[in-house]
Amino acid sequence: MGKVMPAATFADSNSSTMNVSFAHLHFAGGYLPSDSKDWRTIVPALLVAVCLVGFVGNLCVLGILLHRACKGKPSLIHSLILNLSLADLSLLLFSAPVRATAYARGVWDLGWFVCKSSDWFIHTCMAAKSLTTVAMAKVCFMYARDPAKQVSIHSCTIWSVLAAIWAVAGLLPLPECFFSTTRLHAGVEMCLVDVPAVAEVFMSIFGKLYPLLVFCLPLFFASFYFWRAYGQCQRRGTKTRHLRNQMRSKQLTVMLLSMAITSAVLWLPEWVAWLWMWHLKAGSPAPPQGFIALSQVLMFSISSSNPLIFLVMSGEFKESLKGLWKWMITKKHAAAAESQEPPAGDSEALPDNIPSPESPISIPEKEKTGSPASRRERSQKAEMPILPDVEQFWHERDTNPCEQDNDPIPWEHEDQETGDCAK
């Protein structure tokens, strides 16, 4: 690949010279050469903090959803939230560490494959999240329109929807993967978007259409369905018979709407930087390095904000989290109690000729010896008086059982008994 300039030498170069020589380049893979040591420290630290918070939050959401799925049939809305959390977790595990490393090094030394697939993987996950939000808005509107209706969706339908979301999300950013590669520029290896002259028109159209397909249109459709769902919740008011289902529908709508608005606000700076870089003309100023770096940090922070919104605004998630925590605590205590029990070999063996208190041999022995409990029971029976009429009634019932008790057709003998009485 050629000789690579050390990161320290590259970082100490003159800022004006760097801006002039690198201003026309379109960097990829999160690589952004910076002459500021502060940026090379602050951005990785922020990404690490976002990863830790998002990892814990998404694990809690995944644990709750998987626990509920094991207890019953999964619903479509829970499956979509699960898909959203999986996309967030994938970004935090595979993409954020690459971005943090690229910012901290100052030179690209992560290889050709990571350079080619890094932006494609990030935009695939983000596009899947955007399409999932539209699907959740549609399902939320269907639920708000009739909260009392139990919608039964087959598992094959759920898997088909999720597969279609990921297929479309993986196809949309493919041009980025085709033209991202490593190049040696000014003695430094860089990860760049290298578009040949033949494909310049195509990539110019792609630079305009991609934000429209992934950000603008999904945000429009999601806002439309959320607005209609919220209108349904407000219009029905307290007149509905199923007030509890309507309150849950309103709570679900507000939670998903808050998630969509938060994601759109945090994702917007990244699209401003995208359009700025893809339509940068010769002689025009390039986006500031700090703006590009912070826009990417805000994009990754969406993966941390989503689980926090779910866990804070949803009463169902709160109760499930408490139940999951209690289950883990009780399981831990049960395991500790089992470990504290003495082994079977250490216990003293009892003689074989001593019966246990519940054995059938010991019961007759208690009766023979005349225990105080048996004497007390016999004395209570002796002291209890029996009335003569009651005794005569039970004596006659035992000696002359009534035949009609077992008569399968008693109504056939009613006239006969009435005639006997008349005689």
Protein backbone atom coordinates (compact mmCIF):
# COMPACT_ATOMS: atom_id res chain seq x y z
CA MET A 1 0.00 0.00 0.00
CA GLY A 2 2.98 2.32 0.37
CA LYS A 3 4.59 4.14 3.22
CA VAL A 4 2.20 5.56 5.80
CA MET A 5 2.94 8.78 7.65
CA PRO A 6 2.89 8.36 11.44
CA ALA A 7 -0.17 9.71 13.21
CA ALA A 8 1.82 12.12 15.37
CA THR A 9 3.62 13.64 12.37
CA PHE A 10 0.34 13.90 10.50
CA ALA A 11 -1.41 15.52 13.46
CA ASP A 12 1.29 18.15 13.88
CA SER A 13 0.99 19.39 10.28
CA ASN A 14 -0.20 22.90 9.56
CA SER A 15 -3.97 23.38 9.72
CA SER A 16 -4.21 25.64 6.69
CA THR A 17 -2.15 23.27 4.54
CA MET A 18 -4.41 20.38 5.55
CA ASN A 19 -7.58 22.24 4.75
CA VAL A 20 -6.26 23.19 1.30
CA SER A 21 -5.01 19.73 0.37
CA PHE A 22 -7.88 17.67 1.79
CA ALA A 23 -10.85 19.98 1.29
CA HIS A 24 -11.94 18.37 -1.98
CA LEU A 25 -11.79 14.81 -0.64
CA HIS A 26 -14.88 12.85 0.39
CA PHE A 27 -13.93 10.71 3.37
CA ALA A 28 -15.70 7.44 4.19
CA GLY A 29 -15.82 4.93 7.02
CA GLY A 30 -15.90 7.60 9.67
CA TYR A 31 -12.35 8.56 8.89
CA LEU A 32 -11.74 12.30 9.26
CA PRO A 33 -8.15 13.59 9.46
CA SER A 34 -7.87 16.11 12.25
CA ASP A 35 -5.01 18.28 13.38
CA SER A 36 -6.58 18.78 16.81
CA LYS A 37 -5.65 16.39 19.60
CA ASP A 38 -8.74 17.51 21.51
CA TRP A 39 -11.07 16.23 18.80
CA ARG A 40 -9.15 12.95 18.61
CA THR A 41 -9.79 12.51 22.34
CA ILE A 42 -13.27 13.98 22.85
CA VAL A 43 -15.04 12.18 19.99
CA PRO A 44 -13.86 8.63 20.95
CA ALA A 45 -14.72 9.34 24.61
CA LEU A 46 -18.24 10.43 23.66
CA LEU A 47 -18.69 7.37 21.46
CA VAL A 48 -17.56 5.06 24.27
CA ALA A 49 -20.06 6.67 26.68
CA VAL A 50 -22.85 6.32 24.11
CA CYS A 51 -21.94 2.67 23.58
CA LEU A 52 -22.04 1.84 27.29
CA VAL A 53 -25.41 3.50 27.93
CA GLY A 54 -26.98 2.12 24.78
CA PHE A 55 -25.64 -1.38 25.32
CA VAL A 56 -27.16 -1.65 28.80
CA GLY A 57 -30.48 -0.10 27.74
CA ASN A 58 -30.92 -2.26 24.65
CA LEU A 59 -30.02 -5.40 26.60
CA CYS A 60 -32.80 -4.58 29.07
CA VAL A 61 -35.30 -4.05 26.24
CA LEU A 62 -34.23 -7.27 24.52
CA GLY A 63 -34.47 -9.22 27.79
CA ILE A 64 -37.98 -7.93 28.47
CA LEU A 65 -39.25 -8.63 24.96
CA LEU A 66 -37.71 -12.10 24.77
CA HIS A 67 -39.09 -12.94 28.23
CA ARG A 68 -42.59 -11.89 27.13
CA ALA A 69 -42.22 -13.79 23.87
CA CYS A 70 -41.39 -16.98 25.76
CA LYS A 71 -44.49 -16.56 27.95
CA GLY A 72 -46.92 -15.97 25.08
CA LYS A 73 -47.37 -15.34 21.37
CA PRO A 74 -45.33 -12.32 20.21
CA SER A 75 -47.24 -9.35 18.83
CA LEU A 76 -46.27 -7.33 15.77
CA ILE A 77 -45.54 -4.14 17.72
CA HIS A 78 -43.25 -6.02 20.13
CA SER A 79 -41.50 -7.67 17.19
CA LEU A 80 -40.88 -4.28 15.58
CA ILE A 81 -39.49 -2.85 18.82
CA LEU A 82 -37.28 -5.93 19.08
CA ASN A 83 -36.06 -5.32 15.53
CA LEU A 84 -35.29 -1.70 16.41
CA SER A 85 -33.29 -2.75 19.46
CA LEU A 86 -31.33 -5.31 17.44
CA ALA A 87 -30.39 -2.63 14.91
CA ASP A 88 -29.31 -0.30 17.72
CA LEU A 89 -27.27 -3.02 19.35
CA SER A 90 -25.58 -3.86 16.04
CA LEU A 91 -24.56 -0.24 15.57
CA LEU A 92 -23.15 0.02 19.07
CA LEU A 93 -21.23 -3.26 18.86
CA PHE A 94 -19.78 -3.10 15.34
CA SER A 95 -19.91 0.46 13.99
CA ALA A 96 -19.31 2.82 16.92
CA PRO A 97 -15.98 1.17 17.91
CA VAL A 98 -14.76 1.51 14.29
CA ARG A 99 -15.64 5.22 14.28
CA ALA A 100 -13.96 5.77 17.64
CA THR A 101 -10.80 4.01 16.44
CA ALA A 102 -10.74 5.97 13.16
CA TYR A 103 -11.01 9.28 14.99
CA ALA A 104 -8.39 8.37 17.59
CA ARG A 105 -5.71 7.12 15.16
CA GLY A 106 -5.57 10.00 12.71
CA VAL A 107 -4.65 7.58 9.89
CA TRP A 108 -6.66 4.76 8.38
CA ASP A 109 -5.15 1.41 9.34
CA LEU A 110 -8.28 -0.71 9.61
CA GLY A 111 -7.98 -2.27 6.17
CA TRP A 112 -9.78 -2.25 2.85
CA PHE A 113 -12.77 -4.39 3.87
CA VAL A 114 -13.69 -2.24 6.88
CA CYS A 115 -13.36 0.89 4.75
CA LYS A 116 -15.66 -0.54 2.08
CA SER A 117 -18.33 -1.94 4.40
CA SER A 118 -18.35 0.51 7.30
CA ASP A 119 -20.64 3.19 5.85
CA TRP A 120 -22.80 0.57 4.13
CA PHE A 121 -23.41 -1.27 7.42
CA ILE A 122 -24.21 1.92 9.31
CA HIS A 123 -26.66 3.17 6.72
CA THR A 124 -28.24 -0.28 6.43
CA CYS A 125 -28.97 -0.33 10.16
CA MET A 126 -30.20 3.28 10.13
CA ALA A 127 -32.43 2.64 7.11
CA ALA A 128 -33.84 -0.47 8.82
CA LYS A 129 -34.62 1.64 11.89
CA SER A 130 -36.32 4.28 9.75
CA LEU A 131 -38.49 1.73 7.93
CA THR A 132 -39.27 -0.01 11.22
CA THR A 133 -40.51 3.30 12.62
CA VAL A 134 -42.93 3.62 9.69
CA ALA A 135 -44.23 0.10 10.31
CA MET A 136 -44.67 0.83 14.03
CA ALA A 137 -46.59 4.01 13.20
CA LYS A 138 -48.92 2.04 10.92
CA VAL A 139 -49.53 -0.64 13.55
CA CYS A 140 -50.04 2.04 16.21
CA PHE A 141 -52.73 3.67 14.06
CA MET A 142 -54.45 0.31 13.53
CA TYR A 143 -54.48 -0.27 17.29
CA ALA A 144 -55.68 3.25 18.11
CA ARG A 145 -58.51 2.98 15.60
CA ASP A 146 -60.01 0.03 17.48
CA PRO A 147 -58.23 -0.62 20.82
CA ALA A 148 -60.67 -3.37 21.85
CA LYS A 149 -60.06 -5.45 18.73
CA GLN A 150 -57.62 -8.32 19.19
CA VAL A 151 -55.45 -8.44 16.08
CA SER A 152 -54.05 -11.91 15.43
CA ILE A 153 -51.01 -11.91 13.14
CA HIS A 154 -49.28 -15.10 12.07
CA SER A 155 -45.59 -15.54 12.82
CA CYS A 156 -44.82 -15.94 9.11
CA THR A 157 -46.27 -12.48 8.48
CA ILE A 158 -44.07 -10.97 11.16
CA TRP A 159 -40.95 -12.62 9.77
CA SER A 160 -41.88 -11.53 6.24
CA VAL A 161 -42.23 -7.90 7.33
CA LEU A 162 -38.87 -7.94 9.14
CA ALA A 163 -37.13 -9.64 6.20
CA ALA A 164 -38.54 -7.08 3.75
CA ILE A 165 -37.36 -4.21 5.96
CA TRP A 166 -33.79 -5.50 6.10
CA ALA A 167 -33.71 -6.38 2.40
CA VAL A 168 -34.73 -2.86 1.34
CA ALA A 169 -32.42 -1.31 3.94
CA GLY A 170 -29.47 -3.32 2.64
CA LEU A 171 -30.07 -2.47 -1.02
CA LEU A 172 -30.46 1.31 -0.69
CA PRO A 173 -26.88 2.19 0.41
CA LEU A 174 -25.11 -0.25 -1.94
CA PRO A 175 -23.60 2.52 -4.15
CA GLU A 176 -21.64 3.73 -1.13
CA CYS A 177 -20.16 0.28 -0.74
CA PHE A 178 -19.16 0.13 -4.41
CA PHE A 179 -17.17 3.38 -4.44
CA SER A 180 -15.63 3.38 -0.95
CA THR A 181 -11.99 2.27 -0.95
CA THR A 182 -8.58 3.03 0.51
CA ARG A 183 -6.27 5.46 -1.26
CA LEU A 184 -2.77 6.76 -0.57
CA HIS A 185 -2.94 10.56 -0.65
CA ALA A 186 -0.07 12.89 0.30
CA GLY A 187 1.77 9.97 1.86
CA VAL A 188 -1.19 9.06 4.11
CA GLU A 189 -3.52 6.09 3.68
CA MET A 190 -7.12 7.24 3.73
CA CYS A 191 -10.60 5.78 3.39
CA LEU A 192 -12.32 7.73 0.61
CA VAL A 193 -15.32 7.70 -1.68
CA ASP A 194 -13.67 7.48 -5.08
CA VAL A 195 -16.27 8.04 -7.82
CA PRO A 196 -15.07 7.56 -11.42
CA ALA A 197 -16.06 10.04 -14.09
CA VAL A 198 -18.49 7.56 -15.64
CA ALA A 199 -20.57 7.30 -12.46
CA GLU A 200 -20.52 10.96 -11.39
CA VAL A 201 -24.04 11.67 -12.66
CA PHE A 202 -25.42 8.53 -11.03
CA MET A 203 -23.78 9.32 -7.69
CA SER A 204 -25.00 12.90 -7.84
CA ILE A 205 -28.57 11.61 -8.20
CA PHE A 206 -27.91 9.07 -5.45
CA GLY A 207 -26.69 11.82 -3.12
CA LYS A 208 -30.05 13.58 -3.50
CA LEU A 209 -32.39 10.57 -3.54
CA TYR A 210 -30.90 8.62 -0.65
CA PRO A 211 -31.79 11.14 2.11
CA LEU A 212 -35.24 11.48 0.55
CA LEU A 213 -35.88 7.71 0.60
CA VAL A 214 -34.33 6.96 3.97
CA PHE A 215 -35.09 10.06 6.04
CA CYS A 216 -37.67 12.42 4.53
CA LEU A 217 -40.31 10.02 3.19
CA PRO A 218 -40.26 7.63 6.21
CA LEU A 219 -40.48 10.63 8.54
CA PHE A 220 -43.45 11.98 6.57
CA PHE A 221 -45.37 8.68 6.59
CA ALA A 222 -44.58 8.01 10.24
CA SER A 223 -45.75 11.52 11.21
CA PHE A 224 -48.93 11.03 9.19
CA TYR A 225 -49.84 7.76 10.91
CA PHE A 226 -48.88 9.03 14.37
CA TRP A 227 -50.99 12.17 13.83
CA ARG A 228 -54.00 10.05 12.83
CA ALA A 229 -53.45 7.68 15.76
CA TYR A 230 -53.23 10.56 18.22
CA GLY A 231 -56.36 12.07 16.70
CA GLN A 232 -58.20 8.78 17.23
CA CYS A 233 -57.15 8.75 20.88
CA GLN A 234 -58.31 12.33 21.42
CA ARG A 235 -61.60 11.95 19.53
CA ARG A 236 -62.80 8.90 21.43
CA GLY A 237 -62.18 10.49 24.83
CA THR A 238 -63.90 8.73 27.74
CA LYS A 239 -66.98 7.66 25.79
CA THR A 240 -65.53 4.30 24.87
CA ARG A 241 -66.48 1.25 26.86
CA HIS A 242 -62.93 -0.05 26.79
CA LEU A 243 -61.31 2.83 28.65
CA ARG A 244 -58.30 0.81 29.73
CA ASN A 245 -57.45 -0.26 26.17
CA GLN A 246 -57.87 3.32 24.96
CA MET A 247 -55.48 4.61 27.63
CA ARG A 248 -52.91 2.00 26.63
CA SER A 249 -53.34 3.02 22.99
CA LYS A 250 -52.72 6.67 23.84
CA GLN A 251 -49.69 5.80 25.94
CA LEU A 252 -48.26 3.67 23.10
CA THR A 253 -48.85 6.47 20.57
CA VAL A 254 -47.14 9.11 22.72
CA MET A 255 -44.17 6.81 23.42
CA LEU A 256 -43.58 5.90 19.77
CA LEU A 257 -44.13 9.49 18.65
CA SER A 258 -41.53 10.71 21.17
CA MET A 259 -39.11 8.09 19.90
CA ALA A 260 -39.64 9.15 16.27
CA ILE A 261 -39.22 12.87 17.02
CA THR A 262 -36.07 12.28 19.08
CA SER A 263 -34.54 10.13 16.34
CA ALA A 264 -35.34 12.71 13.66
CA VAL A 265 -33.81 15.59 15.65
CA LEU A 266 -30.63 13.66 16.45
CA TRP A 267 -30.29 12.36 12.89
CA LEU A 268 -30.85 15.70 11.14
CA PRO A 269 -27.26 17.09 11.55
CA GLU A 270 -25.85 13.96 9.91
CA TRP A 271 -28.01 14.56 6.83
CA VAL A 272 -26.97 18.21 6.69
CA ALA A 273 -23.33 17.09 6.66
CA TRP A 274 -24.20 14.40 4.07
CA LEU A 275 -25.77 16.86 1.62
CA TRP A 276 -22.98 19.34 2.21
CA MET A 277 -20.26 16.78 1.39
CA TRP A 278 -22.03 15.17 -1.59
CA HIS A 279 -22.71 18.51 -3.25
CA LEU A 280 -19.46 20.24 -2.37
CA LYS A 281 -18.22 22.29 -5.30
CA ALA A 282 -14.69 23.40 -6.06
CA GLY A 283 -13.75 26.51 -4.13
CA SER A 284 -16.71 26.27 -1.70
CA PRO A 285 -16.01 25.83 2.03
CA ALA A 286 -16.03 22.29 3.39
CA PRO A 287 -18.06 21.34 6.47
CA PRO A 288 -16.19 22.04 9.73
CA GLN A 289 -14.50 18.99 11.24
CA GLY A 290 -16.21 19.53 14.57
CA PHE A 291 -19.65 19.65 12.99
CA ILE A 292 -19.09 16.39 11.09
CA ALA A 293 -17.73 14.63 14.19
CA LEU A 294 -20.54 15.78 16.49
CA SER A 295 -23.20 14.94 13.90
CA GLN A 296 -21.97 11.34 13.86
CA VAL A 297 -21.93 11.21 17.66
CA LEU A 298 -25.54 12.43 17.70
CA MET A 299 -26.47 9.78 15.14
CA PHE A 300 -25.09 7.02 17.37
CA SER A 301 -26.78 8.53 20.43
CA ILE A 302 -30.14 7.57 18.88
CA SER A 303 -29.28 3.98 19.78
CA SER A 304 -29.02 5.06 23.44
CA SER A 305 -32.10 7.29 23.50
CA ASN A 306 -34.54 4.71 22.12
CA PRO A 307 -34.28 2.18 24.99
CA LEU A 308 -34.39 4.99 27.56
CA ILE A 309 -37.65 6.27 26.04
CA PHE A 310 -39.14 2.77 26.09
CA LEU A 311 -38.12 2.10 29.69
CA VAL A 312 -39.20 5.52 31.03
CA MET A 313 -42.47 6.17 29.18
CA SER A 314 -43.97 2.68 28.96
CA GLY A 315 -45.67 1.35 32.08
CA GLU A 316 -45.68 -2.12 30.53
CA PHE A 317 -41.90 -2.04 30.14
CA LYS A 318 -41.53 -0.76 33.71
CA GLU A 319 -43.59 -3.61 35.14
CA SER A 320 -41.81 -6.15 32.96
CA LEU A 321 -38.44 -4.79 34.04
CA LYS A 322 -39.44 -5.08 37.71
CA GLY A 323 -40.71 -8.62 37.14
CA LEU A 324 -37.54 -9.59 35.31
CA TRP A 325 -35.41 -8.11 38.09
CA LYS A 326 -37.39 -9.97 40.79
CA TRP A 327 -37.10 -13.20 38.80
CA MET A 328 -33.33 -12.79 38.56
CA ILE A 329 -33.05 -12.01 42.30
CA THR A 330 -35.17 -14.99 43.35
CA LYS A 331 -33.24 -17.28 41.01
CA LYS A 332 -29.98 -16.01 42.48
CA HIS A 333 -31.22 -16.57 46.05
CA ALA A 334 -32.43 -20.06 45.16
CA ALA A 335 -29.05 -20.94 43.68
CA ALA A 336 -27.30 -19.58 46.77
CA ALA A 337 -29.59 -21.61 49.07
CA GLU A 338 -28.87 -24.78 47.13
CA SER A 339 -25.14 -24.17 47.33
CA GLN A 340 -25.37 -23.69 51.13
CA GLU A 341 -27.14 -27.05 51.72
CA PRO A 342 -24.81 -29.70 53.24
CA PRO A 343 -23.89 -32.63 50.99
CA ALA A 344 -25.75 -35.87 51.43
CA GLY A 345 -22.61 -37.75 52.40
CA ASP A 346 -21.84 -35.45 55.35
CA SER A 347 -25.20 -35.94 57.07
CA GLU A 348 -25.43 -38.51 59.89
CA ALA A 349 -27.30 -41.65 58.87
CA LEU A 350 -30.30 -42.58 60.99
CA PRO A 351 -30.68 -46.14 62.31
CA ASP A 352 -32.90 -48.35 60.19
CA ASN A 353 -35.04 -49.45 63.14
CA ILE A 354 -36.32 -45.94 63.89
CA PRO A 355 -39.41 -45.19 61.81
CA SER A 356 -40.19 -41.70 60.61
CA PRO A 357 -43.10 -39.77 62.17
CA GLU A 358 -45.14 -40.08 58.98
CA SER A 359 -44.58 -43.82 58.52
CA PRO A 360 -47.61 -46.12 58.80
CA ILE A 361 -45.85 -48.16 61.51
CA SER A 362 -45.78 -45.33 63.98
CA ILE A 363 -49.51 -44.56 63.75
CA PRO A 364 -50.79 -47.80 65.33
CA GLU A 365 -48.12 -47.49 68.00
CA LYS A 366 -49.50 -44.09 68.98
CA GLU A 367 -52.98 -45.57 69.22
CA LYS A 368 -51.72 -48.49 71.35
CA THR A 369 -49.84 -46.37 73.79
CA GLY A 370 -52.83 -44.08 74.22
CA SER A 371 -51.37 -40.69 73.45
CA PRO A 372 -52.86 -37.59 75.10
CA ALA A 373 -54.30 -36.48 71.76
CA SER A 374 -56.34 -39.69 71.33
CA ARG A 375 -57.58 -39.56 74.91
CA ARG A 376 -58.66 -35.95 74.44
CA GLU A 377 -60.54 -36.85 71.25
CA ARG A 378 -62.40 -39.72 72.96
CA SER A 379 -63.37 -37.50 75.88
CA GLN A 380 -64.76 -34.85 73.51
CA LYS A 381 -66.89 -37.49 71.76
CA ALA A 382 -68.18 -38.72 75.11
CA GLU A 383 -69.10 -35.24 76.31
CA MET A 384 -70.95 -34.29 73.07
CA PRO A 385 -74.71 -35.02 73.58
CA ILE A 386 -76.80 -36.54 70.81
CA LEU A 387 -80.43 -35.42 70.59
CA PRO A 388 -83.01 -38.27 70.52
CA ASP A 389 -84.86 -36.98 67.45
CA VAL A 390 -81.68 -36.67 65.50
CA GLU A 391 -80.54 -40.11 66.58
CA GLN A 392 -83.90 -41.64 65.59
CA PHE A 393 -83.78 -39.87 62.21
CA TRP A 394 -80.36 -41.19 61.30
CA HIS A 395 -81.27 -44.67 62.66
CA GLU A 396 -84.36 -44.86 60.42
CA ARG A 397 -82.40 -43.55 57.44
CA ASP A 398 -79.73 -46.22 57.91
CA THR A 399 -82.18 -49.09 58.40
CA ASN A 400 -84.77 -48.05 55.76
CA PRO A 401 -82.96 -46.31 52.90
CA CYS A 402 -85.17 -44.29 50.64
CA GLU A 403 -85.68 -45.90 47.30
CA GLN A 404 -86.36 -42.63 45.58
CA ASP A 405 -82.87 -41.38 46.16
CA ASN A 406 -81.66 -43.66 43.40
CA ASP A 407 -84.81 -43.46 41.25
CA PRO A 408 -83.79 -42.18 37.81
CA ILE A 409 -87.36 -41.06 36.96
CA PRO A 410 -88.92 -39.76 40.20
CA TRP A 411 -91.69 -37.86 38.38
CA GLU A 412 -93.27 -41.19 37.31
CA HIS A 413 -94.07 -42.06 40.95
CA GLU A 414 -95.42 -38.68 42.07
CA ASP A 415 -99.07 -39.56 41.18
CA GLN A 416 -98.77 -42.93 42.82
CA GLU A 417 -97.50 -41.41 46.06
CA THR A 418 -100.30 -38.82 46.01
CA GLY A 419 -102.90 -41.58 45.67
CA ASP A 420 -101.42 -43.50 48.58
CA CYS A 421 -101.57 -40.44 50.74
CA ALA A 422 -105.21 -39.88 49.80
CA LYS A 423 -106.07 -43.42 50.85
